[in-house]
Amino acid sequence: MKNKELISSGNPFKAVIIFSLPSILAMLVNAIYNIVDKIFIGNFVSSYALAGLQVVNPLLFLSFSVMVMFGLGTASYASNKLGEGNTKEANKIFNNGLIYGSIIVIIIQIFFFIFQNNLLALGGAKEDNFEYASEYYRIIILGFLFQFISYFFTMNLRSEGRPIISMLAQITGCITNILLDALFIIVFKMGVFGAAFATLLGHFANFLVGLSFYLFSKNKVFSISIKDGLKFNGNILSQISSIGLSSAVLNISSSVSILVFNNVIKDYPNALSILAILSSLDQICILPCVGIRQGILPILGYNYGEKNYKRMFKIWGAGMVYGVIYGLLMCSMIMMFPTVFIDLFVDNESIEIVSEAAKICSYYQIGLIIISSNMNASAFYQATREKGKAVVLSMMRQFLFLVPLLYILDLSFGQSGVWMSTPISDFLSSISAIILFFFTYRRFKKTGYLNKRDLLLDLKENDRRSYT
């Protein structure tokens, strides 16, 4: 396995940088798919079209949750087996995750086509943005399978120590999307359809890079085998699903919270268009932190497989430092110079939208400065297979706290209260994660174990050895 020494014993700050930087860039690239569409549509189509994309967003998060569950779940579980030195089992995990994840994504595509109008109405579509939302939605659905497989490849490339190739695949897709957005929207005047088609082709380009590596590279750890993948293994799929569940729940929670957000604000003037801008700026702030989370996950999984628990805390700490530094820099820039960022998404005639969005940006992102504490703690529990804790942490920010706050603050303070619900939710979920992680660290200092289950398993193993 490439970078094995760095994973298990090297400088933790260097390890996090080496594995997270490609992941951070990949997450920013993923964000660019959506953000670039919004920039071109907001400037060259209309603010109603921008609102239409905001309607589609929660539905895309919902579908992406399944992709994340199989992609990250497979990568984390395979990392555990590589840490144990069991490459053959890791390859079985890779192929089961790829094949059965693809089958489920195809089923989701069919479901999304059949219930298109119902799902768009659920997303908060109104008469003035329904056609834009519908046009974008139909094309994006066609690319679900390519999106899943490309994401699956990039996650598993990192788990086998190939973060640079993973990053190159993402960048290829991103550049394809940007160039085609400009061509289709500005030159050919294809509007929302052009933005969606450019995104689809971007995912396809990403898919081709990953596929080429797994078909032709002589240095790969995993090998694609449809025959092996179709051999149903209930235990492997159960482990993949359970390990990836917290990441899936994170996306499901995001989907639900955006659905609620869309429906709470849809009758306020320009609110959906403003939320489309704010959510894009949120992505710029938060997705690098998600990238750090994804970068440290295979390192944590590998060291958990080696029972190198002290190393895991060092990796978590390094990830936390980088996350807070980035959050402080990026969020501060947006809060101090909001119009610089907002102007990217709207034309010169949307003065009212710019003015209102700028006021909200003065406080909207402040909770994201420490949000990495929640994300890295969730990755830690995901790697140690403490699924309950990982799932709860993943749900905190955008479901357990945000959804109730949206309704409470809307009833109490109206539109201004709605916008305040996000930073309050970010702060509460971050503090909760820090408290939970403190108790885990205290257990480790007292017992040398991360949880009661590992302690009991070791005791049983020692008893068995003594008996034999």
Protein backbone atom coordinates (compact mmCIF):
# COMPACT_ATOMS: atom_id res chain seq x y z
CA MET A 1 0.00 0.00 0.00
CA LYS A 2 1.42 3.38 -1.02
CA ASN A 3 2.14 5.90 1.80
CA LYS A 4 1.81 3.15 4.43
CA GLU A 5 4.56 4.60 6.63
CA LEU A 6 3.01 8.07 6.53
CA ILE A 7 -0.40 6.66 7.45
CA SER A 8 0.75 4.63 10.44
CA SER A 9 3.73 6.50 11.91
CA GLY A 10 4.68 9.71 10.08
CA ASN A 11 4.11 13.31 11.14
CA PRO A 12 0.33 13.62 11.70
CA PHE A 13 0.14 17.14 10.27
CA LYS A 14 1.97 16.00 7.13
CA ALA A 15 -0.23 12.91 6.86
CA VAL A 16 -3.42 14.97 7.10
CA ILE A 17 -2.15 17.43 4.49
CA ILE A 18 -1.03 14.70 2.07
CA PHE A 19 -4.35 12.86 2.28
CA SER A 20 -6.69 15.78 2.83
CA LEU A 21 -5.39 18.30 0.29
CA PRO A 22 -6.50 16.20 -2.71
CA SER A 23 -9.77 15.55 -0.89
CA ILE A 24 -10.24 19.27 -0.14
CA LEU A 25 -9.58 20.12 -3.77
CA ALA A 26 -11.95 17.35 -4.81
CA MET A 27 -14.70 18.70 -2.55
CA LEU A 28 -14.19 22.22 -3.89
CA VAL A 29 -14.32 20.77 -7.38
CA ASN A 30 -17.60 19.04 -6.49
CA ALA A 31 -18.91 22.35 -5.16
CA ILE A 32 -17.85 24.10 -8.33
CA TYR A 33 -20.16 21.83 -10.36
CA ASN A 34 -23.11 23.37 -8.56
CA ILE A 35 -21.68 26.83 -7.90
CA VAL A 36 -20.59 27.43 -11.50
CA ASP A 37 -24.06 26.47 -12.72
CA LYS A 38 -25.55 29.04 -10.32
CA ILE A 39 -23.07 31.73 -11.40
CA PHE A 40 -23.81 31.29 -15.10
CA ILE A 41 -27.57 30.93 -14.59
CA GLY A 42 -27.81 33.89 -12.19
CA ASN A 43 -25.91 36.14 -14.59
CA PHE A 44 -27.11 34.91 -17.99
CA VAL A 45 -30.61 33.51 -17.39
CA SER A 46 -32.54 35.00 -14.42
CA SER A 47 -32.96 35.07 -10.64
CA TYR A 48 -36.05 32.85 -11.08
CA ALA A 49 -33.84 30.23 -12.72
CA LEU A 50 -31.46 30.56 -9.76
CA ALA A 51 -34.38 29.86 -7.44
CA GLY A 52 -35.22 26.83 -9.59
CA LEU A 53 -31.78 25.35 -8.92
CA GLN A 54 -32.30 25.89 -5.20
CA VAL A 55 -35.48 23.81 -5.45
CA VAL A 56 -33.55 20.93 -7.05
CA ASN A 57 -30.64 21.03 -4.57
CA PRO A 58 -32.23 19.06 -1.69
CA LEU A 59 -33.31 16.33 -4.10
CA LEU A 60 -29.74 16.00 -5.36
CA PHE A 61 -28.47 15.77 -1.77
CA LEU A 62 -30.98 12.98 -1.17
CA SER A 63 -29.70 10.92 -4.10
CA PHE A 64 -26.08 11.72 -3.26
CA SER A 65 -26.57 10.25 0.23
CA VAL A 66 -26.73 6.76 -1.27
CA MET A 67 -23.64 7.43 -3.39
CA VAL A 68 -21.77 8.59 -0.28
CA MET A 69 -22.91 5.58 1.75
CA PHE A 70 -21.48 3.11 -0.77
CA GLY A 71 -18.46 5.21 -1.76
CA LEU A 72 -17.21 6.19 1.70
CA GLY A 73 -18.49 3.02 3.35
CA THR A 74 -16.54 0.86 0.91
CA ALA A 75 -13.40 3.00 1.19
CA SER A 76 -13.44 2.97 5.00
CA TYR A 77 -14.15 -0.77 5.32
CA ALA A 78 -11.52 -1.62 2.68
CA SER A 79 -9.02 0.58 4.56
CA ASN A 80 -9.65 -1.46 7.72
CA LYS A 81 -8.83 -4.66 5.82
CA LEU A 82 -5.73 -3.15 4.23
CA GLY A 83 -4.62 -2.12 7.72
CA GLU A 84 -5.04 -5.76 8.78
CA GLY A 85 -3.00 -6.87 5.75
CA ASN A 86 -5.99 -8.60 4.10
CA THR A 87 -5.79 -7.28 0.52
CA LYS A 88 -7.93 -10.09 -0.94
CA GLU A 89 -10.86 -9.27 1.35
CA ALA A 90 -10.43 -5.56 0.63
CA ASN A 91 -10.80 -6.28 -3.09
CA LYS A 92 -14.03 -8.22 -2.47
CA ILE A 93 -15.37 -5.24 -0.54
CA PHE A 94 -14.44 -2.89 -3.40
CA ASN A 95 -16.30 -4.93 -6.03
CA ASN A 96 -19.41 -5.59 -3.93
CA GLY A 97 -19.67 -1.88 -3.14
CA LEU A 98 -19.25 -0.91 -6.79
CA ILE A 99 -21.76 -3.34 -8.30
CA TYR A 100 -24.55 -3.19 -5.73
CA GLY A 101 -24.15 0.55 -5.24
CA SER A 102 -24.63 0.98 -9.02
CA ILE A 103 -27.76 -1.17 -8.99
CA ILE A 104 -29.32 0.90 -6.21
CA VAL A 105 -28.44 4.17 -7.97
CA ILE A 106 -30.21 2.96 -11.13
CA ILE A 107 -33.31 2.19 -9.05
CA ILE A 108 -33.15 5.73 -7.62
CA GLN A 109 -32.91 7.18 -11.14
CA ILE A 110 -36.10 5.37 -12.14
CA PHE A 111 -37.89 6.54 -8.98
CA PHE A 112 -36.84 10.16 -9.56
CA PHE A 113 -38.14 10.08 -13.15
CA ILE A 114 -41.52 8.58 -12.18
CA PHE A 115 -42.21 11.02 -9.34
CA GLN A 116 -40.61 14.12 -10.86
CA ASN A 117 -43.47 16.61 -10.31
CA ASN A 118 -44.16 15.40 -6.78
CA LEU A 119 -40.51 15.70 -5.78
CA LEU A 120 -40.15 19.19 -7.26
CA ALA A 121 -43.26 20.34 -5.39
CA LEU A 122 -41.74 18.86 -2.23
CA GLY A 123 -38.58 20.87 -2.90
CA GLY A 124 -40.55 24.12 -2.76
CA ALA A 125 -41.13 24.77 -6.48
CA LYS A 126 -43.53 27.60 -7.34
CA GLU A 127 -45.11 28.74 -10.58
CA ASP A 128 -42.35 31.26 -11.37
CA ASN A 129 -39.50 28.73 -11.05
CA PHE A 130 -41.08 25.32 -11.73
CA GLU A 131 -40.12 25.09 -15.41
CA TYR A 132 -36.50 26.03 -14.70
CA ALA A 133 -36.32 23.47 -11.89
CA SER A 134 -37.90 20.74 -14.02
CA GLU A 135 -35.55 21.31 -16.97
CA TYR A 136 -32.43 21.16 -14.79
CA TYR A 137 -33.71 18.18 -12.79
CA ARG A 138 -34.41 15.91 -15.79
CA ILE A 139 -30.91 16.20 -17.25
CA ILE A 140 -29.07 15.88 -13.93
CA ILE A 141 -30.90 12.61 -13.16
CA LEU A 142 -29.48 11.07 -16.35
CA GLY A 143 -25.99 11.48 -14.95
CA PHE A 144 -26.59 9.84 -11.55
CA LEU A 145 -24.82 6.57 -12.44
CA PHE A 146 -21.71 8.33 -13.81
CA GLN A 147 -21.69 10.60 -10.76
CA PHE A 148 -21.83 7.63 -8.39
CA ILE A 149 -19.12 5.56 -10.08
CA SER A 150 -16.77 8.56 -10.40
CA TYR A 151 -17.30 9.38 -6.72
CA PHE A 152 -16.80 5.71 -5.78
CA PHE A 153 -13.50 5.60 -7.67
CA THR A 154 -12.18 8.82 -6.11
CA MET A 155 -12.97 7.63 -2.57
CA ASN A 156 -11.35 4.24 -3.07
CA LEU A 157 -8.32 5.68 -4.84
CA ARG A 158 -7.61 7.54 -1.61
CA SER A 159 -8.12 4.42 0.51
CA GLU A 160 -5.43 2.59 -1.49
CA GLY A 161 -3.01 5.52 -1.17
CA ARG A 162 -3.62 7.26 -4.52
CA PRO A 163 -4.96 10.71 -3.52
CA ILE A 164 -3.26 12.53 -6.41
CA ILE A 165 -4.98 10.42 -9.07
CA SER A 166 -8.25 10.90 -7.20
CA MET A 167 -7.73 14.67 -7.35
CA LEU A 168 -6.86 14.62 -11.07
CA ALA A 169 -10.08 12.78 -11.86
CA GLN A 170 -12.09 15.41 -10.00
CA ILE A 171 -10.26 18.32 -11.60
CA THR A 172 -10.80 16.87 -15.08
CA GLY A 173 -14.54 16.74 -14.47
CA CYS A 174 -14.59 20.25 -13.03
CA ILE A 175 -12.72 21.85 -15.94
CA THR A 176 -14.99 20.04 -18.39
CA ASN A 177 -18.04 21.41 -16.59
CA ILE A 178 -16.79 25.01 -16.49
CA LEU A 179 -15.77 25.10 -20.15
CA LEU A 180 -19.03 23.54 -21.30
CA ASP A 181 -21.09 25.85 -19.07
CA ALA A 182 -19.55 28.85 -20.83
CA LEU A 183 -20.04 27.25 -24.26
CA PHE A 184 -23.61 26.06 -23.76
CA ILE A 185 -24.98 29.05 -21.80
CA ILE A 186 -23.10 32.07 -23.19
CA VAL A 187 -22.37 30.97 -26.77
CA PHE A 188 -25.25 28.63 -27.61
CA LYS A 189 -27.84 30.28 -25.26
CA MET A 190 -29.00 26.88 -23.96
CA GLY A 191 -29.97 28.25 -20.55
CA VAL A 192 -30.72 25.85 -17.68
CA PHE A 193 -30.61 22.85 -20.02
CA GLY A 194 -27.04 23.78 -21.01
CA ALA A 195 -25.94 24.08 -17.36
CA ALA A 196 -27.35 20.67 -16.51
CA PHE A 197 -25.88 19.02 -19.62
CA ALA A 198 -22.44 20.51 -18.87
CA THR A 199 -22.62 19.04 -15.35
CA LEU A 200 -23.57 15.62 -16.70
CA LEU A 201 -20.61 15.62 -19.12
CA GLY A 202 -18.32 16.77 -16.30
CA HIS A 203 -19.28 13.71 -14.23
CA PHE A 204 -18.71 11.53 -17.29
CA ALA A 205 -15.18 12.93 -17.77
CA ASN A 206 -14.41 12.24 -14.10
CA PHE A 207 -15.74 8.70 -14.53
CA LEU A 208 -13.47 8.05 -17.54
CA VAL A 209 -10.31 9.04 -15.64
CA GLY A 210 -11.12 6.74 -12.71
CA LEU A 211 -12.14 3.88 -15.00
CA SER A 212 -8.91 4.21 -17.00
CA PHE A 213 -6.84 3.82 -13.83
CA TYR A 214 -8.67 0.70 -12.68
CA LEU A 215 -8.58 -0.88 -16.14
CA PHE A 216 -5.00 -0.14 -17.16
CA SER A 217 -2.81 0.68 -14.13
CA LYS A 218 -0.34 -2.05 -13.12
CA ASN A 219 0.13 -0.58 -9.61
CA LYS A 220 -3.49 -0.62 -8.44
CA VAL A 221 -4.54 -2.40 -5.25
CA PHE A 222 -8.17 -2.95 -6.26
CA SER A 223 -9.18 -4.65 -9.52
CA ILE A 224 -12.63 -4.36 -11.08
CA SER A 225 -14.33 -7.74 -11.30
CA ILE A 226 -18.03 -7.77 -12.23
CA LYS A 227 -18.15 -11.51 -11.59
CA ASP A 228 -16.81 -11.10 -8.04
CA GLY A 229 -18.98 -8.05 -7.47
CA LEU A 230 -22.17 -9.89 -8.37
CA LYS A 231 -21.41 -12.60 -5.79
CA PHE A 232 -23.75 -11.34 -3.11
CA ASN A 233 -22.07 -11.07 0.28
CA GLY A 234 -24.55 -9.97 2.92
CA ASN A 235 -21.92 -9.38 5.58
CA ILE A 236 -19.81 -7.13 3.34
CA LEU A 237 -22.79 -5.08 2.16
CA SER A 238 -24.06 -4.80 5.73
CA GLN A 239 -20.68 -3.48 6.90
CA ILE A 240 -20.40 -1.06 3.95
CA SER A 241 -23.89 0.28 4.62
CA SER A 242 -23.45 0.61 8.37
CA ILE A 243 -20.01 2.27 8.12
CA GLY A 244 -21.20 4.66 5.41
CA LEU A 245 -24.50 5.34 7.18
CA SER A 246 -23.31 8.37 9.14
CA SER A 247 -22.09 10.05 5.94
CA ALA A 248 -25.37 9.16 4.21
CA VAL A 249 -27.32 10.55 7.16
CA LEU A 250 -25.30 13.77 6.89
CA ASN A 251 -26.51 14.20 3.30
CA ILE A 252 -30.06 13.09 4.12
CA SER A 253 -30.11 15.61 6.98
CA SER A 254 -28.87 18.27 4.57
CA SER A 255 -31.61 17.31 2.12
CA VAL A 256 -34.35 17.43 4.75
CA SER A 257 -33.14 20.72 6.20
CA ILE A 258 -32.96 22.35 2.75
CA LEU A 259 -36.43 21.04 1.93
CA VAL A 260 -37.72 22.57 5.15
CA PHE A 261 -35.75 25.78 4.55
CA ASN A 262 -37.11 26.10 1.00
CA ASN A 263 -40.70 25.65 2.13
CA VAL A 264 -40.38 27.99 5.12
CA ILE A 265 -38.99 30.88 3.02
CA LYS A 266 -40.56 30.29 -0.40
CA ASP A 267 -43.20 33.02 0.10
CA TYR A 268 -40.70 35.67 1.26
CA PRO A 269 -39.61 37.98 -1.64
CA ASN A 270 -36.37 36.85 -3.34
CA ALA A 271 -35.68 34.43 -0.47
CA LEU A 272 -35.10 31.31 -2.60
CA SER A 273 -32.64 33.19 -4.82
CA ILE A 274 -30.83 34.54 -1.74
CA LEU A 275 -30.70 31.06 -0.20
CA ALA A 276 -29.21 29.71 -3.45
CA ILE A 277 -26.38 32.24 -3.07
CA LEU A 278 -25.89 31.66 0.66
CA SER A 279 -25.82 27.88 0.24
CA SER A 280 -23.10 28.26 -2.41
CA LEU A 281 -21.01 30.42 -0.08
CA ASP A 282 -21.64 27.85 2.67
CA GLN A 283 -20.20 25.19 0.38
CA ILE A 284 -17.03 27.23 -0.13
CA CYS A 285 -16.63 27.40 3.67
CA ILE A 286 -17.68 23.91 4.65
CA LEU A 287 -16.64 21.55 1.87
CA PRO A 288 -12.89 21.87 2.54
CA CYS A 289 -13.75 20.79 6.10
CA VAL A 290 -15.65 17.86 4.60
CA GLY A 291 -12.52 17.23 2.51
CA ILE A 292 -10.41 17.06 5.66
CA ARG A 293 -12.96 14.65 7.13
CA GLN A 294 -12.76 12.41 4.08
CA GLY A 295 -8.96 12.71 3.98
CA ILE A 296 -8.49 11.57 7.58
CA LEU A 297 -11.10 8.80 7.38
CA PRO A 298 -8.87 6.18 5.64
CA ILE A 299 -5.97 7.12 7.97
CA LEU A 300 -8.21 6.63 11.01
CA GLY A 301 -9.60 3.39 9.58
CA TYR A 302 -6.14 1.99 8.88
CA ASN A 303 -4.81 2.86 12.35
CA TYR A 304 -7.93 1.45 13.98
CA GLY A 305 -7.26 -1.80 12.13
CA GLU A 306 -3.70 -1.72 13.55
CA LYS A 307 -5.05 -0.78 17.03
CA ASN A 308 -2.82 2.30 16.93
CA TYR A 309 -5.27 4.39 18.97
CA LYS A 310 -2.86 7.11 20.09
CA ARG A 311 -2.10 7.85 16.46
CA MET A 312 -5.82 8.33 15.78
CA PHE A 313 -6.09 11.15 18.32
CA LYS A 314 -3.07 12.88 16.78
CA ILE A 315 -4.68 12.68 13.33
CA TRP A 316 -7.96 14.04 14.70
CA GLY A 317 -6.11 16.95 16.34
CA ALA A 318 -4.20 17.82 13.18
CA GLY A 319 -7.42 17.76 11.16
CA MET A 320 -9.08 20.02 13.73
CA VAL A 321 -6.27 22.59 13.55
CA TYR A 322 -6.41 22.78 9.75
CA GLY A 323 -10.22 22.98 9.75
CA VAL A 324 -10.36 25.88 12.22
CA ILE A 325 -7.62 27.81 10.40
CA TYR A 326 -9.41 27.47 7.06
CA GLY A 327 -12.81 28.25 8.58
CA LEU A 328 -11.49 31.38 10.26
CA LEU A 329 -9.87 32.69 7.07
CA MET A 330 -12.66 31.90 4.61
CA CYS A 331 -15.66 32.79 6.78
CA SER A 332 -14.03 36.07 7.85
CA MET A 333 -13.46 37.06 4.22
CA ILE A 334 -17.09 36.42 3.30
CA MET A 335 -18.43 38.25 6.36
CA MET A 336 -16.15 41.28 5.80
CA PHE A 337 -16.52 41.53 2.00
CA PRO A 338 -19.92 39.96 1.23
CA THR A 339 -20.74 41.89 -1.94
CA VAL A 340 -17.53 40.70 -3.62
CA PHE A 341 -18.81 37.13 -3.37
CA ILE A 342 -22.53 37.82 -3.90
CA ASP A 343 -21.93 39.79 -7.11
CA LEU A 344 -20.62 36.59 -8.70
CA PHE A 345 -24.13 35.09 -8.70
CA VAL A 346 -26.36 37.90 -9.96
CA ASP A 347 -26.44 40.48 -12.74
CA ASN A 348 -26.25 44.26 -12.26
CA GLU A 349 -30.03 44.62 -12.10
CA SER A 350 -30.43 42.49 -8.96
CA ILE A 351 -29.53 45.28 -6.51
CA GLU A 352 -32.23 44.30 -3.99
CA ILE A 353 -30.97 40.71 -3.80
CA VAL A 354 -27.35 41.83 -3.34
CA SER A 355 -28.27 44.27 -0.57
CA GLU A 356 -30.36 41.76 1.40
CA ALA A 357 -27.88 38.90 0.97
CA ALA A 358 -24.99 41.14 2.10
CA LYS A 359 -26.76 41.94 5.38
CA ILE A 360 -27.30 38.23 6.09
CA CYS A 361 -23.66 37.37 5.25
CA SER A 362 -22.47 39.59 8.12
CA TYR A 363 -23.34 36.72 10.51
CA TYR A 364 -24.57 33.72 8.49
CA GLN A 365 -21.22 31.85 8.21
CA ILE A 366 -19.82 32.51 11.70
CA GLY A 367 -20.65 29.05 13.09
CA LEU A 368 -18.72 27.34 10.29
CA ILE A 369 -15.41 28.48 11.82
CA ILE A 370 -15.49 25.54 14.26
CA ILE A 371 -17.72 23.11 12.33
CA SER A 372 -14.74 20.81 11.65
CA SER A 373 -14.97 19.66 15.29
CA ASN A 374 -18.27 17.97 14.46
CA MET A 375 -17.14 16.53 11.14
CA ASN A 376 -13.82 15.14 12.35
CA ALA A 377 -15.43 13.60 15.44
CA SER A 378 -18.02 11.93 13.18
CA ALA A 379 -15.20 10.54 11.00
CA PHE A 380 -13.44 9.24 14.13
CA TYR A 381 -16.53 7.31 15.27
CA GLN A 382 -17.20 6.14 11.73
CA ALA A 383 -13.69 4.66 11.51
CA THR A 384 -14.06 2.95 14.90
CA ARG A 385 -17.46 1.53 13.87
CA GLU A 386 -19.33 3.36 16.62
CA LYS A 387 -22.18 3.89 14.21
CA GLY A 388 -24.65 5.40 16.66
CA LYS A 389 -22.35 8.25 17.67
CA ALA A 390 -21.31 8.89 14.06
CA VAL A 391 -24.92 9.06 12.91
CA VAL A 392 -26.04 11.36 15.72
CA LEU A 393 -23.16 13.76 15.05
CA SER A 394 -23.96 13.76 11.35
CA MET A 395 -27.60 14.61 12.06
CA MET A 396 -26.95 17.36 14.60
CA ARG A 397 -26.11 20.34 12.43
CA GLN A 398 -28.79 20.22 9.77
CA PHE A 399 -31.51 18.14 11.31
CA LEU A 400 -31.60 17.85 15.10
CA PHE A 401 -30.87 21.55 15.62
CA LEU A 402 -31.60 23.39 12.36
CA VAL A 403 -35.07 22.08 11.48
CA PRO A 404 -36.67 22.89 14.87
CA LEU A 405 -34.91 26.27 14.94
CA LEU A 406 -36.27 27.16 11.50
CA TYR A 407 -39.87 26.80 12.65
CA ILE A 408 -39.33 28.33 16.10
CA LEU A 409 -37.41 31.40 14.92
CA ASP A 410 -39.69 31.92 11.89
CA LEU A 411 -42.73 32.06 14.16
CA SER A 412 -40.92 34.29 16.65
CA PHE A 413 -38.97 36.71 14.45
CA GLY A 414 -40.06 36.14 10.85
CA GLN A 415 -37.53 36.15 8.00
CA SER A 416 -34.65 37.54 10.09
CA GLY A 417 -35.13 34.67 12.56
CA VAL A 418 -34.98 32.13 9.75
CA TRP A 419 -31.55 33.35 8.65
CA MET A 420 -30.28 33.25 12.27
CA SER A 421 -31.19 29.57 12.65
CA THR A 422 -28.18 28.40 10.60
CA PRO A 423 -25.30 29.95 12.61
CA ILE A 424 -26.98 28.96 15.90
CA SER A 425 -27.30 25.36 14.66
CA ASP A 426 -23.65 25.30 13.53
CA PHE A 427 -22.45 26.50 16.93
CA LEU A 428 -24.58 24.06 18.95
CA SER A 429 -23.56 21.03 16.87
CA SER A 430 -19.86 21.92 17.11
CA ILE A 431 -19.92 22.30 20.90
CA SER A 432 -21.86 19.03 21.28
CA ALA A 433 -19.22 17.16 19.23
CA ILE A 434 -16.38 18.58 21.33
CA ILE A 435 -18.07 17.44 24.55
CA LEU A 436 -18.71 13.91 23.21
CA PHE A 437 -15.15 13.58 21.94
CA PHE A 438 -13.76 14.74 25.30
CA PHE A 439 -15.44 11.77 27.02
CA THR A 440 -13.97 9.37 24.42
CA TYR A 441 -10.49 10.76 25.02
CA ARG A 442 -10.93 10.47 28.78
CA ARG A 443 -11.93 6.79 28.39
CA PHE A 444 -8.80 6.17 26.32
CA LYS A 445 -6.53 7.80 28.92
CA LYS A 446 -8.05 5.63 31.68
CA THR A 447 -8.34 2.27 29.89
CA GLY A 448 -6.20 2.43 26.74
CA TYR A 449 -9.31 1.66 24.65
CA LEU A 450 -11.67 3.84 22.63
CA ASN A 451 -14.86 2.11 23.71
CA LYS A 452 -16.21 -0.67 25.87
CA ARG A 453 -16.66 -3.04 22.92
CA ASP A 454 -12.95 -3.06 22.03
CA LEU A 455 -12.01 -3.63 25.67
CA LEU A 456 -14.36 -6.63 25.99
CA LEU A 457 -13.16 -8.12 22.69
CA ASP A 458 -9.55 -7.91 23.83
CA LEU A 459 -10.41 -9.52 27.16
CA LYS A 460 -12.17 -12.39 25.39
CA GLU A 461 -9.20 -12.88 23.06
CA ASN A 462 -6.80 -12.95 26.01
CA ASP A 463 -9.01 -15.47 27.82
CA ARG A 464 -9.08 -17.67 24.71
CA ARG A 465 -5.30 -17.59 24.40
CA SER A 466 -4.89 -18.42 28.10
CA TYR A 467 -7.27 -21.36 27.75
CA THR A 468 -5.46 -22.78 24.72
